[in-house]
PDB file of all heavy atoms in Angstrom:
ATOM      1  N   LEU A   1     129.465  60.670  68.338  1.00  0.00           N
ATOM      2  CA  LEU A   1     129.101  60.014  69.578  1.00  0.00           C
ATOM      3  C   LEU A   1     129.355  60.929  70.779  1.00  0.00           C
ATOM      4  O   LEU A   1     128.539  61.039  71.702  1.00  0.00           O
ATOM      5  CB  LEU A   1     129.891  58.713  69.721  1.00  0.00           C
ATOM      6  CG  LEU A   1     129.586  57.822  70.933  1.00  0.00           C
ATOM      7  CD1 LEU A   1     128.135  57.402  70.909  1.00  0.00           C
ATOM      8  CD2 LEU A   1     130.500  56.617  70.987  1.00  0.00           C
ATOM      9  N   ALA A   2     130.509  61.632  70.749  1.00  0.00           N
ATOM     10  CA  ALA A   2     130.801  62.586  71.853  1.00  0.00           C
ATOM     11  C   ALA A   2     129.789  63.737  71.861  1.00  0.00           C
ATOM     12  O   ALA A   2     129.345  64.147  72.949  1.00  0.00           O
ATOM     13  CB  ALA A   2     132.210  63.159  71.688  1.00  0.00           C
ATOM     14  N   HIS A   3     129.363  64.212  70.674  1.00  0.00           N
ATOM     15  CA  HIS A   3     128.366  65.290  70.623  1.00  0.00           C
ATOM     16  C   HIS A   3     127.023  64.813  71.157  1.00  0.00           C
ATOM     17  O   HIS A   3     126.342  65.546  71.938  1.00  0.00           O
ATOM     18  CB  HIS A   3     128.213  65.760  69.157  1.00  0.00           C
ATOM     19  CG  HIS A   3     127.274  66.913  68.990  1.00  0.00           C
ATOM     20  ND1 HIS A   3     127.464  68.130  69.593  1.00  0.00           N
ATOM     21  CD2 HIS A   3     126.110  66.995  68.319  1.00  0.00           C
ATOM     22  CE1 HIS A   3     126.493  68.924  69.275  1.00  0.00           C
ATOM     23  NE2 HIS A   3     125.636  68.262  68.515  1.00  0.00           N
ATOM     24  N   VAL A   4     126.673  63.565  70.829  1.00  0.00           N
ATOM     25  CA  VAL A   4     125.389  63.021  71.345  1.00  0.00           C
ATOM     26  C   VAL A   4     125.445  62.890  72.865  1.00  0.00           C
ATOM     27  O   VAL A   4     124.471  63.179  73.569  1.00  0.00           O
ATOM     28  CB  VAL A   4     125.073  61.659  70.692  1.00  0.00           C
ATOM     29  CG1 VAL A   4     123.911  60.962  71.382  1.00  0.00           C
ATOM     30  CG2 VAL A   4     124.739  61.882  69.207  1.00  0.00           C
ATOM     31  N   GLU A   5     126.571  62.425  73.414  1.00  0.00           N
ATOM     32  CA  GLU A   5     126.696  62.297  74.873  1.00  0.00           C
ATOM     33  C   GLU A   5     126.606  63.681  75.526  1.00  0.00           C
ATOM     34  O   GLU A   5     125.980  63.854  76.563  1.00  0.00           O
ATOM     35  CB  GLU A   5     128.029  61.650  75.215  1.00  0.00           C
ATOM     36  CG  GLU A   5     128.084  60.175  74.802  1.00  0.00           C
ATOM     37  CD  GLU A   5     129.454  59.584  75.071  1.00  0.00           C
ATOM     38  OE1 GLU A   5     130.351  60.348  75.486  1.00  0.00           O
ATOM     39  OE2 GLU A   5     129.631  58.338  74.884  1.00  0.00           O
ATOM     40  N   GLU A   6     127.210  64.679  74.906  1.00  0.00           N
ATOM     41  CA  GLU A   6     127.160  66.058  75.460  1.00  0.00           C
ATOM     42  C   GLU A   6     125.691  66.555  75.409  1.00  0.00           C
ATOM     43  O   GLU A   6     125.222  67.184  76.387  1.00  0.00           O
ATOM     44  CB  GLU A   6     128.031  66.990  74.645  1.00  0.00           C
ATOM     45  CG  GLU A   6     128.078  68.421  75.187  1.00  0.00           C
ATOM     46  CD  GLU A   6     128.982  69.335  74.363  1.00  0.00           C
ATOM     47  OE1 GLU A   6     129.606  68.829  73.385  1.00  0.00           O
ATOM     48  OE2 GLU A   6     129.053  70.524  74.702  1.00  0.00           O
ATOM     49  N   LEU A   7     124.983  66.270  74.296  1.00  0.00           N
ATOM     50  CA  LEU A   7     123.571  66.679  74.221  1.00  0.00           C
ATOM     51  C   LEU A   7     122.732  65.981  75.291  1.00  0.00           C
ATOM     52  O   LEU A   7     121.795  66.578  75.864  1.00  0.00           O
ATOM     53  CB  LEU A   7     123.057  66.419  72.817  1.00  0.00           C
ATOM     54  CG  LEU A   7     123.581  67.268  71.669  1.00  0.00           C
ATOM     55  CD1 LEU A   7     123.007  66.857  70.344  1.00  0.00           C
ATOM     56  CD2 LEU A   7     123.309  68.735  71.947  1.00  0.00           C
ATOM     57  N   GLU A   8     123.035  64.693  75.528  1.00  0.00           N
ATOM     58  CA  GLU A   8     122.294  63.970  76.561  1.00  0.00           C
ATOM     59  C   GLU A   8     122.518  64.601  77.933  1.00  0.00           C
ATOM     60  O   GLU A   8     121.579  64.773  78.728  1.00  0.00           O
ATOM     61  CB  GLU A   8     122.732  62.504  76.584  1.00  0.00           C
ATOM     62  CG  GLU A   8     122.266  61.708  75.383  1.00  0.00           C
ATOM     63  CD  GLU A   8     120.763  61.469  75.416  1.00  0.00           C
ATOM     64  OE1 GLU A   8     120.159  61.643  76.496  1.00  0.00           O
ATOM     65  OE2 GLU A   8     120.186  61.181  74.338  1.00  0.00           O
ATOM     66  N   THR A   9     123.791  65.018  78.176  1.00  0.00           N
ATOM     67  CA  THR A   9     124.061  65.673  79.463  1.00  0.00           C
ATOM     68  C   THR A   9     123.328  66.988  79.573  1.00  0.00           C
ATOM     69  O   THR A   9     122.728  67.335  80.608  1.00  0.00           O
ATOM     70  CB  THR A   9     125.580  65.907  79.595  1.00  0.00           C
ATOM     71  OG1 THR A   9     126.277  64.651  79.445  1.00  0.00           O
ATOM     72  CG2 THR A   9     125.936  66.523  80.949  1.00  0.00           C
ATOM     73  N   GLN A  10     123.311  67.774  78.474  1.00  0.00           N
ATOM     74  CA  GLN A  10     122.605  69.043  78.468  1.00  0.00           C
ATOM     75  C   GLN A  10     121.100  68.829  78.673  1.00  0.00           C
ATOM     76  O   GLN A  10     120.428  69.598  79.360  1.00  0.00           O
ATOM     77  CB  GLN A  10     122.895  69.820  77.213  1.00  0.00           C
ATOM     78  CG  GLN A  10     124.323  70.287  77.056  1.00  0.00           C
ATOM     79  CD  GLN A  10     124.592  70.997  75.758  1.00  0.00           C
ATOM     80  OE1 GLN A  10     123.668  71.188  74.969  1.00  0.00           O
ATOM     81  NE2 GLN A  10     125.821  71.419  75.514  1.00  0.00           N
ATOM     82  N   ARG A  11     120.583  67.780  77.999  1.00  0.00           N
ATOM     83  CA  ARG A  11     119.153  67.491  78.169  1.00  0.00           C
ATOM     84  C   ARG A  11     118.806  67.156  79.611  1.00  0.00           C
ATOM     85  O   ARG A  11     117.784  67.624  80.148  1.00  0.00           O
ATOM     86  CB  ARG A  11     118.757  66.354  77.247  1.00  0.00           C
ATOM     87  CG  ARG A  11     117.299  65.928  77.335  1.00  0.00           C
ATOM     88  CD  ARG A  11     117.000  64.712  76.454  1.00  0.00           C
ATOM     89  NE  ARG A  11     115.613  64.313  76.628  1.00  0.00           N
ATOM     90  CZ  ARG A  11     115.068  63.245  76.013  1.00  0.00           C
ATOM     91  NH1 ARG A  11     115.832  62.534  75.189  1.00  0.00           N
ATOM     92  NH2 ARG A  11     113.847  62.914  76.232  1.00  0.00           N
ATOM     93  N   THR A  12     119.662  66.356  80.248  1.00  0.00           N
ATOM     94  CA  THR A  12     119.417  66.008  81.661  1.00  0.00           C
ATOM     95  C   THR A  12     119.439  67.252  82.528  1.00  0.00           C
ATOM     96  O   THR A  12     118.536  67.436  83.388  1.00  0.00           O
ATOM     97  CB  THR A  12     120.500  65.011  82.139  1.00  0.00           C
ATOM     98  OG1 THR A  12     120.463  63.873  81.303  1.00  0.00           O
ATOM     99  CG2 THR A  12     120.202  64.615  83.568  1.00  0.00           C
ATOM    100  N   ASP A  13     120.427  68.145  82.276  1.00  0.00           N
ATOM    101  CA  ASP A  13     120.482  69.417  83.023  1.00  0.00           C
ATOM    102  C   ASP A  13     119.238  70.281  82.803  1.00  0.00           C
ATOM    103  O   ASP A  13     118.673  70.853  83.743  1.00  0.00           O
ATOM    104  CB  ASP A  13     121.734  70.179  82.661  1.00  0.00           C
ATOM    105  CG  ASP A  13     123.013  69.440  83.050  1.00  0.00           C
ATOM    106  OD1 ASP A  13     122.914  68.567  83.917  1.00  0.00           O
ATOM    107  OD2 ASP A  13     124.074  69.740  82.467  1.00  0.00           O
ATOM    108  N   LEU A  14     118.784  70.362  81.540  1.00  0.00           N
ATOM    109  CA  LEU A  14     117.594  71.144  81.207  1.00  0.00           C
ATOM    110  C   LEU A  14     116.363  70.554  81.861  1.00  0.00           C
ATOM    111  O   LEU A  14     115.512  71.318  82.343  1.00  0.00           O
ATOM    112  CB  LEU A  14     117.434  71.248  79.689  1.00  0.00           C
ATOM    113  CG  LEU A  14     118.466  72.113  78.951  1.00  0.00           C
ATOM    114  CD1 LEU A  14     118.250  72.016  77.433  1.00  0.00           C
ATOM    115  CD2 LEU A  14     118.398  73.542  79.407  1.00  0.00           C
ATOM    116  N   GLU A  15     116.235  69.229  81.826  1.00  0.00           N
ATOM    117  CA  GLU A  15     115.074  68.647  82.482  1.00  0.00           C
ATOM    118  C   GLU A  15     115.052  68.920  83.973  1.00  0.00           C
ATOM    119  O   GLU A  15     114.012  69.188  84.576  1.00  0.00           O
ATOM    120  CB  GLU A  15     115.050  67.122  82.181  1.00  0.00           C
ATOM    121  CG  GLU A  15     114.740  66.787  80.735  1.00  0.00           C
ATOM    122  CD  GLU A  15     114.813  65.278  80.464  1.00  0.00           C
ATOM    123  OE1 GLU A  15     115.290  64.572  81.390  1.00  0.00           O
ATOM    124  OE2 GLU A  15     114.419  64.846  79.376  1.00  0.00           O
ATOM    125  N   THR A  16     116.226  68.816  84.612  1.00  0.00           N
ATOM    126  CA  THR A  16     116.314  69.107  86.035  1.00  0.00           C
ATOM    127  C   THR A  16     115.954  70.565  86.309  1.00  0.00           C
ATOM    128  O   THR A  16     115.172  70.879  87.230  1.00  0.00           O
ATOM    129  CB  THR A  16     117.719  68.826  86.533  1.00  0.00           C
ATOM    130  OG1 THR A  16     118.083  67.465  86.249  1.00  0.00           O
ATOM    131  CG2 THR A  16     117.826  69.055  88.056  1.00  0.00           C
ATOM    132  N   ALA A  17     116.512  71.496  85.475  1.00  0.00           N
ATOM    133  CA  ALA A  17     116.199  72.893  85.652  1.00  0.00           C
ATOM    134  C   ALA A  17     114.716  73.171  85.388  1.00  0.00           C
ATOM    135  O   ALA A  17     114.076  73.989  86.074  1.00  0.00           O
ATOM    136  CB  ALA A  17     117.046  73.764  84.705  1.00  0.00           C
ATOM    137  N   LEU A  18     114.125  72.444  84.427  1.00  0.00           N
ATOM    138  CA  LEU A  18     112.702  72.624  84.119  1.00  0.00           C
ATOM    139  C   LEU A  18     111.840  72.183  85.302  1.00  0.00           C
ATOM    140  O   LEU A  18     110.863  72.862  85.650  1.00  0.00           O
ATOM    141  CB  LEU A  18     112.330  71.832  82.836  1.00  0.00           C
ATOM    142  CG  LEU A  18     110.891  71.950  82.404  1.00  0.00           C
ATOM    143  CD1 LEU A  18     110.502  73.381  82.110  1.00  0.00           C
ATOM    144  CD2 LEU A  18     110.637  71.057  81.171  1.00  0.00           C
ATOM    145  N   ARG A  19     112.199  71.053  85.885  1.00  0.00           N
ATOM    146  CA  ARG A  19     111.441  70.580  87.076  1.00  0.00           C
ATOM    147  C   ARG A  19     111.557  71.592  88.192  1.00  0.00           C
ATOM    148  O   ARG A  19     110.536  71.897  88.866  1.00  0.00           O
ATOM    149  CB  ARG A  19     111.946  69.198  87.514  1.00  0.00           C
ATOM    150  CG  ARG A  19     111.521  68.083  86.575  1.00  0.00           C
ATOM    151  CD  ARG A  19     111.776  66.731  87.208  1.00  0.00           C
ATOM    152  NE  ARG A  19     113.208  66.524  87.451  1.00  0.00           N
ATOM    153  CZ  ARG A  19     114.031  65.957  86.567  1.00  0.00           C
ATOM    154  NH1 ARG A  19     113.574  65.527  85.378  1.00  0.00           N
ATOM    155  NH2 ARG A  19     115.307  65.772  86.833  1.00  0.00           N
ATOM    156  N   GLU A  20     112.778  72.108  88.435  1.00  0.00           N
ATOM    157  CA  GLU A  20     112.921  73.084  89.485  1.00  0.00           C
ATOM    158  C   GLU A  20     112.121  74.352  89.184  1.00  0.00           C
ATOM    159  O   GLU A  20     111.502  74.969  90.090  1.00  0.00           O
ATOM    160  CB  GLU A  20     114.389  73.436  89.675  1.00  0.00           C
ATOM    161  CG  GLU A  20     115.230  72.274  90.180  1.00  0.00           C
ATOM    162  CD  GLU A  20     116.694  72.622  90.262  1.00  0.00           C
ATOM    163  OE1 GLU A  20     117.038  73.774  89.847  1.00  0.00           O
ATOM    164  OE2 GLU A  20     117.488  71.778  90.717  1.00  0.00           O
ATOM    165  N   LEU A  21     112.157  74.794  87.905  1.00  0.00           N
ATOM    166  CA  LEU A  21     111.413  75.988  87.482  1.00  0.00           C
ATOM    167  C   LEU A  21     109.893  75.789  87.649  1.00  0.00           C
ATOM    168  O   LEU A  21     109.187  76.673  88.156  1.00  0.00           O
ATOM    169  CB  LEU A  21     111.763  76.360  86.057  1.00  0.00           C
ATOM    170  CG  LEU A  21     111.116  77.646  85.516  1.00  0.00           C
ATOM    171  CD1 LEU A  21     111.513  78.846  86.375  1.00  0.00           C
ATOM    172  CD2 LEU A  21     111.489  77.858  84.073  1.00  0.00           C
ATOM    173  N   GLN A  22     109.408  74.595  87.288  1.00  0.00           N
ATOM    174  CA  GLN A  22     108.014  74.325  87.451  1.00  0.00           C
ATOM    175  C   GLN A  22     107.596  74.299  88.909  1.00  0.00           C
ATOM    176  O   GLN A  22     106.535  74.789  89.305  1.00  0.00           O
ATOM    177  CB  GLN A  22     107.644  72.999  86.796  1.00  0.00           C
ATOM    178  CG  GLN A  22     107.693  73.033  85.249  1.00  0.00           C
ATOM    179  CD  GLN A  22     107.429  71.682  84.619  1.00  0.00           C
ATOM    180  OE1 GLN A  22     107.416  70.645  85.340  1.00  0.00           O
ATOM    181  NE2 GLN A  22     107.218  71.665  83.330  1.00  0.00           N
ATOM    182  N   SER A  23     108.502  73.750  89.742  1.00  0.00           N
ATOM    183  CA  SER A  23     108.218  73.767  91.212  1.00  0.00           C
ATOM    184  C   SER A  23     108.169  75.195  91.725  1.00  0.00           C
ATOM    185  O   SER A  23     107.302  75.586  92.517  1.00  0.00           O
ATOM    186  CB  SER A  23     109.293  72.959  91.923  1.00  0.00           C
ATOM    187  OG  SER A  23     109.111  73.049  93.317  1.00  0.00           O
ATOM    188  N   LEU A  24     109.145  76.039  91.245  1.00  0.00           N
ATOM    189  CA  LEU A  24     109.179  77.412  91.660  1.00  0.00           C
ATOM    190  C   LEU A  24     107.919  78.169  91.210  1.00  0.00           C
ATOM    191  O   LEU A  24     107.339  78.992  91.937  1.00  0.00           O
ATOM    192  CB  LEU A  24     110.435  78.100  91.172  1.00  0.00           C
ATOM    193  CG  LEU A  24     110.593  79.596  91.484  1.00  0.00           C
ATOM    194  CD1 LEU A  24     110.628  79.836  92.991  1.00  0.00           C
ATOM    195  CD2 LEU A  24     111.843  80.154  90.824  1.00  0.00           C
ATOM    196  N   ILE A  25     107.492  77.892  89.970  1.00  0.00           N
ATOM    197  CA  ILE A  25     106.316  78.548  89.445  1.00  0.00           C
ATOM    198  C   ILE A  25     105.073  78.144  90.226  1.00  0.00           C
ATOM    199  O   ILE A  25     104.218  78.988  90.532  1.00  0.00           O
ATOM    200  CB  ILE A  25     106.165  78.209  87.927  1.00  0.00           C
ATOM    201  CG1 ILE A  25     107.249  78.925  87.115  1.00  0.00           C
ATOM    202  CG2 ILE A  25     104.777  78.631  87.435  1.00  0.00           C
ATOM    203  CD1 ILE A  25     107.249  78.510  85.662  1.00  0.00           C
ATOM    204  N   SER A  26     104.987  76.862  90.543  1.00  0.00           N
ATOM    205  CA  SER A  26     103.828  76.389  91.330  1.00  0.00           C
ATOM    206  C   SER A  26     103.801  77.056  92.703  1.00  0.00           C
ATOM    207  O   SER A  26     102.771  77.528  93.162  1.00  0.00           O
ATOM    208  CB  SER A  26     103.870  74.888  91.460  1.00  0.00           C
ATOM    209  OG  SER A  26     103.855  74.286  90.179  1.00  0.00           O
ATOM    210  N   GLU A  27     104.999  77.151  93.356  1.00  0.00           N
ATOM    211  CA  GLU A  27     105.045  77.769  94.669  1.00  0.00           C
ATOM    212  C   GLU A  27     104.721  79.255  94.576  1.00  0.00           C
ATOM    213  O   GLU A  27     103.993  79.798  95.440  1.00  0.00           O
ATOM    214  CB  GLU A  27     106.454  77.595  95.223  1.00  0.00           C
ATOM    215  CG  GLU A  27     106.679  78.205  96.598  1.00  0.00           C
ATOM    216  CD  GLU A  27     105.840  77.538  97.684  1.00  0.00           C
ATOM    217  OE1 GLU A  27     105.368  76.409  97.457  1.00  0.00           O
ATOM    218  OE2 GLU A  27     105.653  78.178  98.760  1.00  0.00           O
ATOM    219  N   THR A  28     105.226  79.913  93.538  1.00  0.00           N
ATOM    220  CA  THR A  28     104.925  81.373  93.338  1.00  0.00           C
ATOM    221  C   THR A  28     103.420  81.566  93.097  1.00  0.00           C
ATOM    222  O   THR A  28     102.801  82.471  93.647  1.00  0.00           O
ATOM    223  CB  THR A  28     105.730  81.924  92.193  1.00  0.00           C
ATOM    224  OG1 THR A  28     107.129  81.683  92.395  1.00  0.00           O
ATOM    225  CG2 THR A  28     105.525  83.427  92.054  1.00  0.00           C
ATOM    226  N   ASP A  29     102.826  80.720  92.251  1.00  0.00           N
ATOM    227  CA  ASP A  29     101.377  80.821  91.980  1.00  0.00           C
ATOM    228  C   ASP A  29     100.604  80.597  93.267  1.00  0.00           C
ATOM    229  O   ASP A  29      99.600  81.274  93.543  1.00  0.00           O
ATOM    230  CB  ASP A  29     100.956  79.822  90.926  1.00  0.00           C
ATOM    231  CG  ASP A  29     101.442  80.214  89.541  1.00  0.00           C
ATOM    232  OD1 ASP A  29     101.719  81.423  89.361  1.00  0.00           O
ATOM    233  OD2 ASP A  29     101.565  79.340  88.686  1.00  0.00           O
ATOM    234  N   ARG A  30     101.035  79.642  94.079  1.00  0.00           N
ATOM    235  CA  ARG A  30     100.345  79.386  95.348  1.00  0.00           C
ATOM    236  C   ARG A  30     100.404  80.590  96.280  1.00  0.00           C
ATOM    237  O   ARG A  30      99.402  80.996  96.866  1.00  0.00           O
ATOM    238  CB  ARG A  30     100.939  78.149  96.019  1.00  0.00           C
ATOM    239  CG  ARG A  30     100.211  77.730  97.289  1.00  0.00           C
ATOM    240  CD  ARG A  30     100.940  76.568  97.964  1.00  0.00           C
ATOM    241  NE  ARG A  30     102.261  76.979  98.376  1.00  0.00           N
ATOM    242  CZ  ARG A  30     102.519  77.704  99.502  1.00  0.00           C
ATOM    243  NH1 ARG A  30     101.537  78.059 100.285  1.00  0.00           N
ATOM    244  NH2 ARG A  30     103.762  77.993  99.813  1.00  0.00           N
ATOM    245  N   ARG A  31     101.613  81.184  96.376  1.00  0.00           N
ATOM    246  CA  ARG A  31     101.754  82.357  97.264  1.00  0.00           C
ATOM    247  C   ARG A  31     100.941  83.525  96.721  1.00  0.00           C
ATOM    248  O   ARG A  31     100.319  84.257  97.498  1.00  0.00           O
ATOM    249  CB  ARG A  31     103.224  82.753  97.367  1.00  0.00           C
ATOM    250  CG  ARG A  31     104.092  81.718  98.135  1.00  0.00           C
ATOM    251  CD  ARG A  31     105.493  82.211  98.283  1.00  0.00           C
ATOM    252  NE  ARG A  31     106.318  81.264  99.023  1.00  0.00           N
ATOM    253  CZ  ARG A  31     107.606  81.467  99.326  1.00  0.00           C
ATOM    254  NH1 ARG A  31     108.200  82.603  98.935  1.00  0.00           N
ATOM    255  NH2 ARG A  31     108.267  80.564  99.974  1.00  0.00           N
ATOM    256  N   ILE A  32     100.946  83.707  95.423  1.00  0.00           N
ATOM    257  CA  ILE A  32     100.182  84.819  94.822  1.00  0.00           C
ATOM    258  C   ILE A  32      98.697  84.600  95.105  1.00  0.00           C
ATOM    259  O   ILE A  32      97.961  85.542  95.475  1.00  0.00           O
ATOM    260  CB  ILE A  32     100.447  84.939  93.321  1.00  0.00           C
ATOM    261  CG1 ILE A  32     101.863  85.459  93.082  1.00  0.00           C
ATOM    262  CG2 ILE A  32      99.447  85.840  92.640  1.00  0.00           C
ATOM    263  CD1 ILE A  32     102.269  85.483  91.652  1.00  0.00           C
ATOM    264  N   ARG A  33      98.255  83.347  94.934  1.00  0.00           N
ATOM    265  CA  ARG A  33      96.830  83.055  95.125  1.00  0.00           C
ATOM    266  C   ARG A  33      96.447  83.255  96.612  1.00  0.00           C
ATOM    267  O   ARG A  33      95.410  83.864  96.925  1.00  0.00           O
ATOM    268  CB  ARG A  33      96.512  81.611  94.713  1.00  0.00           C
ATOM    269  CG  ARG A  33      95.081  81.242  94.788  1.00  0.00           C
ATOM    270  CD  ARG A  33      94.808  79.927  94.061  1.00  0.00           C
ATOM    271  NE  ARG A  33      95.662  78.867  94.588  1.00  0.00           N
ATOM    272  CZ  ARG A  33      96.679  78.337  93.921  1.00  0.00           C
ATOM    273  NH1 ARG A  33      97.037  78.827  92.767  1.00  0.00           N
ATOM    274  NH2 ARG A  33      97.434  77.383  94.460  1.00  0.00           N
ATOM    275  N   GLU A  34      97.324  82.817  97.529  1.00  0.00           N
ATOM    276  CA  GLU A  34      97.045  82.999  98.947  1.00  0.00           C
ATOM    277  C   GLU A  34      97.019  84.476  99.327  1.00  0.00           C
ATOM    278  O   GLU A  34      96.140  84.916 100.064  1.00  0.00           O
ATOM    279  CB  GLU A  34      98.084  82.249  99.783  1.00  0.00           C
ATOM    280  CG  GLU A  34      98.004  80.722  99.653  1.00  0.00           C
ATOM    281  CD  GLU A  34      99.075  80.036 100.450  1.00  0.00           C
ATOM    282  OE1 GLU A  34      99.944  80.765 101.017  1.00  0.00           O
ATOM    283  OE2 GLU A  34      99.062  78.806 100.536  1.00  0.00           O
ATOM    284  N   ALA A  35      98.028  85.256  98.781  1.00  0.00           N
ATOM    285  CA  ALA A  35      98.058  86.678  99.122  1.00  0.00           C
ATOM    286  C   ALA A  35      96.832  87.399  98.547  1.00  0.00           C
ATOM    287  O   ALA A  35      96.245  88.259  99.184  1.00  0.00           O
ATOM    288  CB  ALA A  35      99.340  87.298  98.553  1.00  0.00           C
ATOM    289  N   PHE A  36      96.454  87.011  97.320  1.00  0.00           N
ATOM    290  CA  PHE A  36      95.269  87.620  96.711  1.00  0.00           C
ATOM    291  C   PHE A  36      94.019  87.281  97.509  1.00  0.00           C
ATOM    292  O   PHE A  36      93.176  88.172  97.730  1.00  0.00           O
ATOM    293  CB  PHE A  36      95.132  87.188  95.275  1.00  0.00           C
ATOM    294  CG  PHE A  36      93.904  87.708  94.607  1.00  0.00           C
ATOM    295  CD1 PHE A  36      93.787  89.036  94.201  1.00  0.00           C
ATOM    296  CD2 PHE A  36      92.831  86.875  94.400  1.00  0.00           C
ATOM    297  CE1 PHE A  36      92.645  89.496  93.585  1.00  0.00           C
ATOM    298  CE2 PHE A  36      91.652  87.332  93.803  1.00  0.00           C
ATOM    299  CZ  PHE A  36      91.582  88.669  93.413  1.00  0.00           C
ATOM    300  N   GLU A  37      93.868  86.018  97.888  1.00  0.00           N
ATOM    301  CA  GLU A  37      92.674  85.648  98.587  1.00  0.00           C
ATOM    302  C   GLU A  37      92.561  86.389  99.960  1.00  0.00           C
ATOM    303  O   GLU A  37      91.480  86.835 100.340  1.00  0.00           O
ATOM    304  CB  GLU A  37      92.634  84.130  98.828  1.00  0.00           C
ATOM    305  CG  GLU A  37      92.422  83.341  97.527  1.00  0.00           C
ATOM    306  CD  GLU A  37      92.561  81.853  97.744  1.00  0.00           C
ATOM    307  OE1 GLU A  37      92.901  81.472  98.880  1.00  0.00           O
ATOM    308  OE2 GLU A  37      92.320  81.072  96.774  1.00  0.00           O
ATOM    309  N   THR A  38      93.734  86.455 100.640  1.00  0.00           N
ATOM    310  CA  THR A  38      93.727  87.170 101.928  1.00  0.00           C
ATOM    311  C   THR A  38      93.379  88.642 101.761  1.00  0.00           C
ATOM    312  O   THR A  38      92.509  89.202 102.462  1.00  0.00           O
ATOM    313  CB  THR A  38      95.114  87.049 102.586  1.00  0.00           C
ATOM    314  OG1 THR A  38      95.456  85.641 102.720  1.00  0.00           O
ATOM    315  CG2 THR A  38      95.123  87.728 103.953  1.00  0.00           C
ATOM    316  N   THR A  39      94.026  89.264 100.771  1.00  0.00           N
ATOM    317  CA  THR A  39      93.741  90.694 100.520  1.00  0.00           C
ATOM    318  C   THR A  39      92.285  90.906 100.067  1.00  0.00           C
ATOM    319  O   THR A  39      91.616  91.857 100.480  1.00  0.00           O
ATOM    320  CB  THR A  39      94.685  91.256  99.451  1.00  0.00           C
ATOM    321  OG1 THR A  39      96.027  91.007  99.873  1.00  0.00           O
ATOM    322  CG2 THR A  39      94.504  92.732  99.269  1.00  0.00           C
ATOM    323  N   PHE A  40      91.796  90.008  99.192  1.00  0.00           N
ATOM    324  CA  PHE A  40      90.447  90.153  98.684  1.00  0.00           C
ATOM    325  C   PHE A  40      89.403  89.996  99.811  1.00  0.00           C
ATOM    326  O   PHE A  40      88.430  90.727  99.900  1.00  0.00           O
ATOM    327  CB  PHE A  40      90.178  89.152  97.558  1.00  0.00           C
ATOM    328  CG  PHE A  40      88.761  89.209  97.047  1.00  0.00           C
ATOM    329  CD1 PHE A  40      88.351  90.253  96.213  1.00  0.00           C
ATOM    330  CD2 PHE A  40      87.837  88.263  97.420  1.00  0.00           C
ATOM    331  CE1 PHE A  40      87.066  90.286  95.754  1.00  0.00           C
ATOM    332  CE2 PHE A  40      86.533  88.318  96.940  1.00  0.00           C
ATOM    333  CZ  PHE A  40      86.136  89.334  96.120  1.00  0.00           C
ATOM    334  N   GLU A  41      89.623  89.004 100.686  1.00  0.00           N
ATOM    335  CA  GLU A  41      88.677  88.791 101.785  1.00  0.00           C
ATOM    336  C   GLU A  41      88.630  90.028 102.678  1.00  0.00           C
ATOM    337  O   GLU A  41      87.538  90.484 103.086  1.00  0.00           O
ATOM    338  CB  GLU A  41      89.058  87.566 102.570  1.00  0.00           C
ATOM    339  CG  GLU A  41      88.840  86.240 101.789  1.00  0.00           C
ATOM    340  CD  GLU A  41      89.393  85.062 102.576  1.00  0.00           C
ATOM    341  OE1 GLU A  41      89.906  85.276 103.699  1.00  0.00           O
ATOM    342  OE2 GLU A  41      89.259  83.918 102.075  1.00  0.00           O
ATOM    343  N   ALA A  42      89.846  90.592 103.010  1.00  0.00           N
ATOM    344  CA  ALA A  42      89.875  91.765 103.859  1.00  0.00           C
ATOM    345  C   ALA A  42      89.214  92.960 103.145  1.00  0.00           C
ATOM    346  O   ALA A  42      88.424  93.702 103.740  1.00  0.00           O
ATOM    347  CB  ALA A  42      91.294  92.128 104.228  1.00  0.00           C
ATOM    348  N   ALA A  43      89.495  93.163 101.820  1.00  0.00           N
ATOM    349  CA  ALA A  43      88.919  94.278 101.112  1.00  0.00           C
ATOM    350  C   ALA A  43      87.414  94.093 100.951  1.00  0.00           C
ATOM    351  O   ALA A  43      86.654  95.063 101.042  1.00  0.00           O
ATOM    352  CB  ALA A  43      89.570  94.398  99.697  1.00  0.00           C
ATOM    353  N   ALA A  44      86.938  92.873 100.737  1.00  0.00           N
ATOM    354  CA  ALA A  44      85.479  92.645 100.605  1.00  0.00           C
ATOM    355  C   ALA A  44      84.759  92.974 101.906  1.00  0.00           C
ATOM    356  O   ALA A  44      83.722  93.604 101.918  1.00  0.00           O
ATOM    357  CB  ALA A  44      85.228  91.194 100.176  1.00  0.00           C
TER     358      ALA A  44
END
C-alpha cells in the first residue's frame, strides 16, 4: 500500500512535469515557427 501511494505521488509529479514540458515544447515550436517565417519572408 505504501509503495502504491508512492507510485501515485510519482505519477502525479510526472504528469505535472509532462504538462509543463508539453507547454514548453509548444512555446518553443511557436517561437521557432515565428522566427523561421520572419527570416523566410525577409530572405524571399
